[in-house]
Amino acid sequence: MRNVRLLQAACAVLLLFPLAAALAGQAPVLAMTSRQQDILRELEAFRPTGAAGGGTWMLSRWDTDSGLADLVPLPTGAGNAAARFQLLEDVYREEQGILETGGEQSRGVQLLLEAADIARCELTPEYYPEFTSVNARQPDFSVFRQYLQALLRRAETASTGGDSAEAERCYRAALICGWHLTTDRSSSIVFVTGLIFKMRAAQGMTSLFLRTGDSRRLGIARAYSDSLSGIMRAFVWKANIALGEMDGFACLPAVCLVAVEDAEPFWRKEAVVRLATLRYGLPDTAGATVKRHPGWEYVADEVLSRVFNNDPDATVRQFALWAAQNVRPDNYAAMRHDFSALE
């Protein structure tokens, strides 16, 4: 019952269920399934080791920086690191052929080293457009990943060659670039890219300090790496289960909570895409059949409308409008509509 009340408080639209039934012309079953309840319980209860208490951690702004300043100095240089990040995609066109197994001395790696000396990073709107639709250009995860791998190879080569200062400079650059991206948080792809940068760099620093015998910073690096690994597991679960387990509308109650209560605009945008999808039911991969449940579809539509009308972030409201206008299964009317879930 506690989770049911939580959902009612967050969404309010459960009060409209009788109207949903009338609109559907039948009495839909709206009691949450056991799987929906399981996902809600996990969403509400999960909290990484060491995270401060209070509230629902999964719906809060995640701290991925605790311990970072103890590990490496933060940059103080002028400028905007986003300028270097945008250039990565330009130089990648020329350098992609060397990045599979090399690229340690590439221009792209140098750009990451330069970005790590700059204190500020603002990707939007100067270098990338506001994320108000899935068509808005975002940093290319594949490009960033390949240059990260080249930077880490450079660090590992320096470490094994006895140049611990160069290895540490490279690992710090990866950490600071990750710090820039997780601080910017303009979209989920930006956040998770930064999280991967920091996690991989912290793991590399752990190995470096183990090799050099720096026991003080080894403990800091290991604790920071463990913290980031826990947050990464939470990210994957939230994206794939809480917002991604579509079968049987299992994720819908959690999606509703994220859409209206999550502290992060980028998570609310992710939830908006799911709402816009679920309001049409569950199309199969072949595009021939759509499983329908008018009650849950109505909930998705109402919460999407609520986000469009009430979200405090203008870019989330714009994203909700785009989703309402553009997210719809292809050939929806021609599909076989299966209402067996109501039986």
Protein backbone atom coordinates (compact mmCIF):
# COMPACT_ATOMS: atom_id res chain seq x y z
CA MET A 1 0.00 0.00 0.00
CA ARG A 2 2.87 2.40 0.71
CA ASN A 3 4.02 2.24 -2.91
CA VAL A 4 0.46 2.72 -4.16
CA ARG A 5 0.15 5.87 -2.04
CA LEU A 6 3.54 7.05 -3.28
CA LEU A 7 2.42 6.67 -6.87
CA GLN A 8 -0.86 8.46 -6.13
CA ALA A 9 0.95 11.37 -4.51
CA ALA A 10 3.43 11.70 -7.34
CA CYS A 11 1.11 11.35 -10.29
CA ALA A 12 -2.36 12.38 -9.10
CA VAL A 13 -3.74 10.87 -12.28
CA LEU A 14 -4.79 7.68 -10.51
CA LEU A 15 -7.82 9.70 -9.43
CA LEU A 16 -8.80 9.77 -13.11
CA PHE A 17 -8.93 6.00 -13.50
CA PRO A 18 -12.77 5.92 -13.67
CA LEU A 19 -12.54 8.36 -16.57
CA ALA A 20 -9.92 6.14 -18.18
CA ALA A 21 -12.32 3.22 -17.98
CA ALA A 22 -15.12 5.27 -19.48
CA LEU A 23 -12.95 6.43 -22.33
CA ALA A 24 -11.88 2.87 -23.02
CA GLY A 25 -15.42 1.58 -23.01
CA GLN A 26 -14.51 -1.15 -20.53
CA ALA A 27 -13.22 -1.57 -16.98
CA PRO A 28 -9.43 -1.87 -17.20
CA VAL A 29 -7.53 -3.64 -14.46
CA LEU A 30 -5.43 -0.95 -12.76
CA ALA A 31 -4.09 -2.71 -9.70
CA MET A 32 -0.32 -2.77 -9.97
CA THR A 33 1.23 -6.07 -10.95
CA SER A 34 3.75 -7.72 -8.67
CA ARG A 35 6.54 -6.80 -11.07
CA GLN A 36 5.49 -3.14 -11.09
CA GLN A 37 5.53 -3.17 -7.29
CA ASP A 38 8.97 -4.86 -7.22
CA ILE A 39 10.45 -2.18 -9.47
CA LEU A 40 8.91 0.61 -7.39
CA ARG A 41 10.23 -0.90 -4.17
CA GLU A 42 13.75 -1.13 -5.60
CA LEU A 43 13.55 2.42 -6.98
CA GLU A 44 12.49 3.71 -3.58
CA ALA A 45 14.85 1.63 -1.45
CA PHE A 46 18.17 1.55 -3.32
CA ARG A 47 20.94 3.63 -1.78
CA PRO A 48 24.67 3.10 -2.43
CA THR A 49 26.94 2.40 0.50
CA GLY A 50 27.99 5.69 2.05
CA ALA A 51 25.27 7.79 0.43
CA ALA A 52 23.65 10.31 2.76
CA GLY A 53 20.23 9.35 4.08
CA GLY A 54 16.93 11.11 3.43
CA GLY A 55 14.58 11.03 0.47
CA THR A 56 14.63 8.59 -2.42
CA TRP A 57 18.23 8.38 -3.58
CA MET A 58 17.28 7.07 -7.03
CA LEU A 59 15.29 10.26 -7.66
CA SER A 60 17.95 12.61 -6.30
CA ARG A 61 20.88 14.40 -7.93
CA TRP A 62 23.68 11.84 -7.75
CA ASP A 63 27.00 12.95 -6.29
CA THR A 64 29.81 11.50 -8.40
CA ASP A 65 32.47 13.91 -7.12
CA SER A 66 32.85 13.06 -3.44
CA GLY A 67 36.55 12.30 -3.00
CA LEU A 68 37.65 13.65 -6.39
CA ALA A 69 39.36 16.77 -5.03
CA ASP A 70 41.28 14.60 -2.56
CA LEU A 71 42.60 12.55 -5.46
CA VAL A 72 43.59 15.22 -8.00
CA PRO A 73 43.69 19.04 -8.10
CA LEU A 74 40.73 20.62 -9.85
CA PRO A 75 41.53 22.93 -12.78
CA THR A 76 41.60 26.72 -12.58
CA GLY A 77 42.24 27.66 -16.23
CA ALA A 78 40.07 30.07 -18.19
CA GLY A 79 37.82 29.17 -21.11
CA ASN A 80 35.20 26.54 -21.79
CA ALA A 81 36.25 22.90 -21.98
CA ALA A 82 33.27 22.27 -24.27
CA ALA A 83 35.22 23.89 -27.10
CA ARG A 84 37.83 21.12 -26.86
CA PHE A 85 35.14 18.45 -26.66
CA GLN A 86 33.44 19.69 -29.82
CA LEU A 87 36.77 19.63 -31.65
CA LEU A 88 37.16 15.93 -30.81
CA GLU A 89 34.55 15.08 -33.41
CA ASP A 90 36.32 17.20 -36.04
CA VAL A 91 39.75 15.63 -35.53
CA TYR A 92 38.20 12.16 -35.28
CA ARG A 93 37.42 12.24 -39.00
CA GLU A 94 41.15 12.29 -39.69
CA GLU A 95 42.33 10.14 -36.79
CA GLN A 96 39.77 7.37 -36.51
CA GLY A 97 42.00 4.94 -38.39
CA ILE A 98 44.67 5.01 -35.69
CA LEU A 99 42.42 4.81 -32.62
CA GLU A 100 41.60 1.12 -32.59
CA THR A 101 45.00 0.17 -31.19
CA GLY A 102 46.90 3.46 -31.01
CA GLY A 103 46.39 7.21 -30.98
CA GLU A 104 48.20 7.87 -27.71
CA GLN A 105 49.86 10.96 -29.24
CA SER A 106 46.86 11.99 -31.33
CA ARG A 107 45.41 15.48 -31.52
CA GLY A 108 42.26 14.21 -29.84
CA VAL A 109 44.18 12.99 -26.79
CA GLN A 110 45.89 16.38 -26.64
CA LEU A 111 42.47 18.04 -26.65
CA LEU A 112 41.45 15.99 -23.61
CA LEU A 113 44.65 17.01 -21.83
CA GLU A 114 43.89 20.65 -22.63
CA ALA A 115 40.27 20.35 -21.48
CA ALA A 116 41.53 19.07 -18.13
CA ASP A 117 43.26 22.41 -17.46
CA ILE A 118 40.05 24.42 -17.90
CA ALA A 119 37.76 25.09 -14.93
CA ARG A 120 34.43 25.52 -16.74
CA CYS A 121 32.41 23.33 -19.10
CA GLU A 122 29.12 24.38 -20.68
CA LEU A 123 28.16 22.31 -23.71
CA THR A 124 24.90 24.11 -24.47
CA PRO A 125 23.88 26.22 -26.24
CA GLU A 126 27.17 27.48 -27.73
CA TYR A 127 28.62 24.13 -28.81
CA TYR A 128 25.64 21.78 -28.80
CA PRO A 129 21.91 22.59 -29.05
CA GLU A 130 19.61 22.27 -26.06
CA PHE A 131 18.41 18.68 -25.72
CA THR A 132 14.74 19.25 -26.56
CA SER A 133 14.26 16.28 -28.92
CA VAL A 134 16.07 13.05 -29.66
CA ASN A 135 17.17 14.65 -32.94
CA ALA A 136 19.19 17.34 -31.12
CA ARG A 137 22.88 16.76 -31.77
CA GLN A 138 24.70 15.36 -28.73
CA PRO A 139 28.36 14.52 -28.09
CA ASP A 140 29.23 11.33 -29.96
CA PHE A 141 29.72 8.65 -27.29
CA SER A 142 31.75 6.46 -29.64
CA VAL A 143 34.22 9.24 -30.39
CA PHE A 144 34.67 10.11 -26.72
CA ARG A 145 35.09 6.43 -25.81
CA GLN A 146 37.81 5.85 -28.37
CA TYR A 147 39.79 8.89 -27.33
CA LEU A 148 39.40 7.89 -23.68
CA GLN A 149 40.86 4.48 -24.50
CA ALA A 150 43.80 6.13 -26.28
CA LEU A 151 44.39 8.44 -23.30
CA LEU A 152 44.33 5.48 -20.91
CA ARG A 153 46.74 3.54 -23.14
CA ARG A 154 49.09 6.52 -22.95
CA ALA A 155 48.82 6.46 -19.16
CA GLU A 156 49.42 2.71 -18.96
CA THR A 157 52.44 2.91 -21.27
CA ALA A 158 53.93 5.67 -19.13
CA SER A 159 53.21 3.73 -15.95
CA THR A 160 54.84 0.51 -17.11
CA GLY A 161 57.77 2.53 -18.43
CA GLY A 162 58.37 4.09 -15.03
CA ASP A 163 57.10 7.59 -15.90
CA SER A 164 54.57 7.84 -13.08
CA ALA A 165 54.25 11.63 -13.46
CA GLU A 166 53.04 11.31 -17.07
CA ALA A 167 50.74 8.43 -16.14
CA GLU A 168 49.20 10.49 -13.37
CA ARG A 169 48.77 13.49 -15.71
CA CYS A 170 46.83 11.31 -18.16
CA TYR A 171 44.65 9.70 -15.50
CA ARG A 172 43.94 13.11 -14.01
CA ALA A 173 42.91 14.39 -17.47
CA ALA A 174 40.42 11.55 -17.82
CA LEU A 175 39.05 12.25 -14.33
CA ILE A 176 38.68 15.98 -14.99
CA CYS A 177 37.09 15.47 -18.40
CA GLY A 178 34.64 13.12 -16.71
CA TRP A 179 34.06 15.74 -14.02
CA HIS A 180 33.23 18.31 -16.70
CA LEU A 181 30.70 16.00 -18.36
CA THR A 182 28.97 14.78 -15.20
CA THR A 183 28.75 18.39 -14.01
CA ASP A 184 27.23 19.58 -17.30
CA ARG A 185 24.52 16.84 -17.22
CA SER A 186 22.74 18.21 -20.29
CA SER A 187 21.57 14.72 -21.27
CA SER A 188 21.86 11.15 -20.07
CA ILE A 189 24.48 10.41 -22.75
CA VAL A 190 26.63 13.29 -21.48
CA PHE A 191 26.29 12.14 -17.88
CA VAL A 192 27.08 8.48 -18.50
CA THR A 193 30.02 9.40 -20.76
CA GLY A 194 31.48 11.45 -17.94
CA LEU A 195 30.79 8.69 -15.45
CA ILE A 196 32.69 6.18 -17.61
CA PHE A 197 35.63 8.59 -17.94
CA LYS A 198 35.87 8.97 -14.17
CA MET A 199 35.34 5.29 -13.38
CA ARG A 200 37.99 4.07 -15.84
CA ALA A 201 40.47 6.74 -14.71
CA ALA A 202 39.93 5.95 -11.02
CA GLN A 203 40.55 2.27 -11.76
CA GLY A 204 43.77 3.21 -13.59
CA MET A 205 44.93 5.41 -10.73
CA THR A 206 44.31 2.56 -8.30
CA SER A 207 46.69 0.38 -10.32
CA LEU A 208 49.22 3.21 -10.60
CA PHE A 209 49.36 3.88 -6.87
CA LEU A 210 49.56 0.18 -6.16
CA ARG A 211 52.61 0.02 -8.42
CA THR A 212 54.26 3.12 -6.93
CA GLY A 213 53.44 2.21 -3.33
CA ASP A 214 51.50 5.42 -2.64
CA SER A 215 49.31 3.87 0.06
CA ARG A 216 47.55 7.10 1.07
CA ARG A 217 46.26 7.92 -2.40
CA LEU A 218 45.71 4.24 -3.16
CA GLY A 219 43.02 4.15 -0.48
CA ILE A 220 41.41 7.33 -1.85
CA ALA A 221 41.47 6.06 -5.44
CA ARG A 222 40.07 2.67 -4.47
CA ALA A 223 37.22 4.18 -2.44
CA TYR A 224 36.39 6.61 -5.25
CA SER A 225 36.49 3.85 -7.86
CA ASP A 226 34.16 1.66 -5.76
CA SER A 227 31.74 4.58 -5.32
CA LEU A 228 31.61 5.24 -9.07
CA SER A 229 31.10 1.55 -9.82
CA GLY A 230 28.06 1.54 -7.53
CA ILE A 231 26.63 4.60 -9.24
CA MET A 232 27.21 3.01 -12.64
CA ARG A 233 25.26 -0.07 -11.57
CA ALA A 234 22.45 2.22 -10.42
CA PHE A 235 22.49 4.06 -13.76
CA VAL A 236 22.24 0.82 -15.73
CA TRP A 237 19.41 -0.50 -13.54
CA LYS A 238 17.48 2.75 -13.72
CA ALA A 239 17.83 3.05 -17.49
CA ASN A 240 17.17 -0.61 -18.34
CA ILE A 241 14.70 -1.70 -15.64
CA ALA A 242 13.01 1.26 -13.94
CA LEU A 243 12.66 3.07 -17.28
CA GLY A 244 13.11 0.20 -19.69
CA GLU A 245 11.22 -2.94 -18.69
CA MET A 246 8.25 -2.43 -20.96
CA ASP A 247 6.73 -5.91 -21.01
CA GLY A 248 3.45 -5.89 -19.13
CA PHE A 249 3.84 -2.13 -18.58
CA ALA A 250 6.19 -3.17 -15.76
CA CYS A 251 8.16 0.08 -15.73
CA LEU A 252 5.21 2.48 -16.04
CA PRO A 253 4.66 3.35 -12.33
CA ALA A 254 8.40 3.97 -11.92
CA VAL A 255 8.45 6.00 -15.14
CA CYS A 256 5.66 8.17 -13.76
CA LEU A 257 7.62 8.85 -10.59
CA VAL A 258 10.77 9.72 -12.48
CA ALA A 259 8.84 11.98 -14.86
CA VAL A 260 7.38 14.13 -12.10
CA GLU A 261 9.76 13.78 -9.14
CA ASP A 262 13.29 13.15 -10.37
CA ALA A 263 15.75 15.90 -9.49
CA GLU A 264 17.56 15.51 -12.82
CA PRO A 265 16.04 17.05 -15.96
CA PHE A 266 17.85 14.50 -18.13
CA TRP A 267 16.14 11.60 -16.32
CA ARG A 268 12.77 13.33 -16.66
CA LYS A 269 13.41 13.59 -20.42
CA GLU A 270 14.20 9.87 -20.55
CA ALA A 271 10.92 9.20 -18.74
CA VAL A 272 9.04 11.40 -21.22
CA VAL A 273 10.14 9.19 -24.13
CA ARG A 274 8.84 6.11 -22.30
CA LEU A 275 5.52 7.80 -21.51
CA ALA A 276 5.07 8.83 -25.12
CA THR A 277 5.72 5.23 -26.16
CA LEU A 278 3.58 3.49 -23.52
CA ARG A 279 0.51 5.62 -24.18
CA TYR A 280 0.18 3.62 -27.42
CA GLY A 281 0.61 0.22 -25.81
CA LEU A 282 3.42 -2.24 -26.47
CA PRO A 283 4.20 -2.90 -30.17
CA ASP A 284 6.05 -6.12 -30.93
CA THR A 285 9.41 -6.01 -32.66
CA ALA A 286 7.87 -7.07 -35.96
CA GLY A 287 5.45 -4.16 -35.92
CA ALA A 288 2.47 -6.45 -36.49
CA THR A 289 0.77 -6.49 -33.07
CA VAL A 290 0.41 -3.99 -30.26
CA LYS A 291 -0.55 -5.15 -26.77
CA ARG A 292 -3.08 -2.74 -25.33
CA HIS A 293 -4.17 -1.75 -21.85
CA PRO A 294 -6.25 1.43 -22.05
CA GLY A 295 -6.03 2.12 -18.33
CA TRP A 296 -2.24 2.17 -18.20
CA GLU A 297 -2.06 3.94 -21.56
CA TYR A 298 -4.28 6.68 -20.17
CA VAL A 299 -2.01 7.06 -17.15
CA ALA A 300 1.01 7.44 -19.46
CA ASP A 301 -0.79 10.06 -21.54
CA GLU A 302 -1.94 12.03 -18.48
CA VAL A 303 1.49 12.09 -16.89
CA LEU A 304 3.04 13.17 -20.20
CA SER A 305 0.53 16.02 -20.29
CA ARG A 306 1.38 16.92 -16.70
CA VAL A 307 5.09 17.15 -17.53
CA PHE A 308 4.36 19.33 -20.56
CA ASN A 309 2.25 21.71 -18.49
CA ASN A 310 4.08 21.76 -15.16
CA ASP A 311 7.74 20.79 -15.36
CA PRO A 312 9.91 23.62 -13.96
CA ASP A 313 12.54 23.15 -16.68
CA ALA A 314 11.64 24.69 -20.04
CA THR A 315 13.74 22.16 -21.97
CA VAL A 316 11.84 19.28 -20.35
CA ARG A 317 8.52 20.89 -21.30
CA GLN A 318 9.78 21.32 -24.88
CA PHE A 319 10.97 17.71 -24.92
CA ALA A 320 7.54 16.56 -23.73
CA LEU A 321 5.86 18.51 -26.52
CA TRP A 322 8.22 17.02 -29.10
CA ALA A 323 7.57 13.50 -27.76
CA ALA A 324 3.80 13.99 -27.79
CA GLN A 325 3.93 15.12 -31.40
CA ASN A 326 6.49 12.68 -32.77
CA VAL A 327 6.69 9.43 -30.78
CA ARG A 328 4.16 7.01 -32.22
CA PRO A 329 4.53 3.44 -33.50
CA ASP A 330 4.79 3.17 -37.28
CA ASN A 331 1.65 1.82 -38.92
CA TYR A 332 -0.15 1.92 -35.56
CA ALA A 333 -3.70 1.82 -36.92
CA ALA A 334 -2.95 -1.17 -39.13
CA MET A 335 -1.50 -3.29 -36.32
CA ARG A 336 -3.50 -6.03 -34.63
CA HIS A 337 -4.54 -4.59 -31.25
CA ASP A 338 -4.33 -7.25 -28.58
CA PHE A 339 -6.34 -6.52 -25.42
CA SER A 340 -5.66 -9.91 -23.79
CA ALA A 341 -3.77 -8.18 -20.94
CA LEU A 342 -7.15 -7.00 -19.68
CA GLU A 343 -8.53 -10.50 -19.31
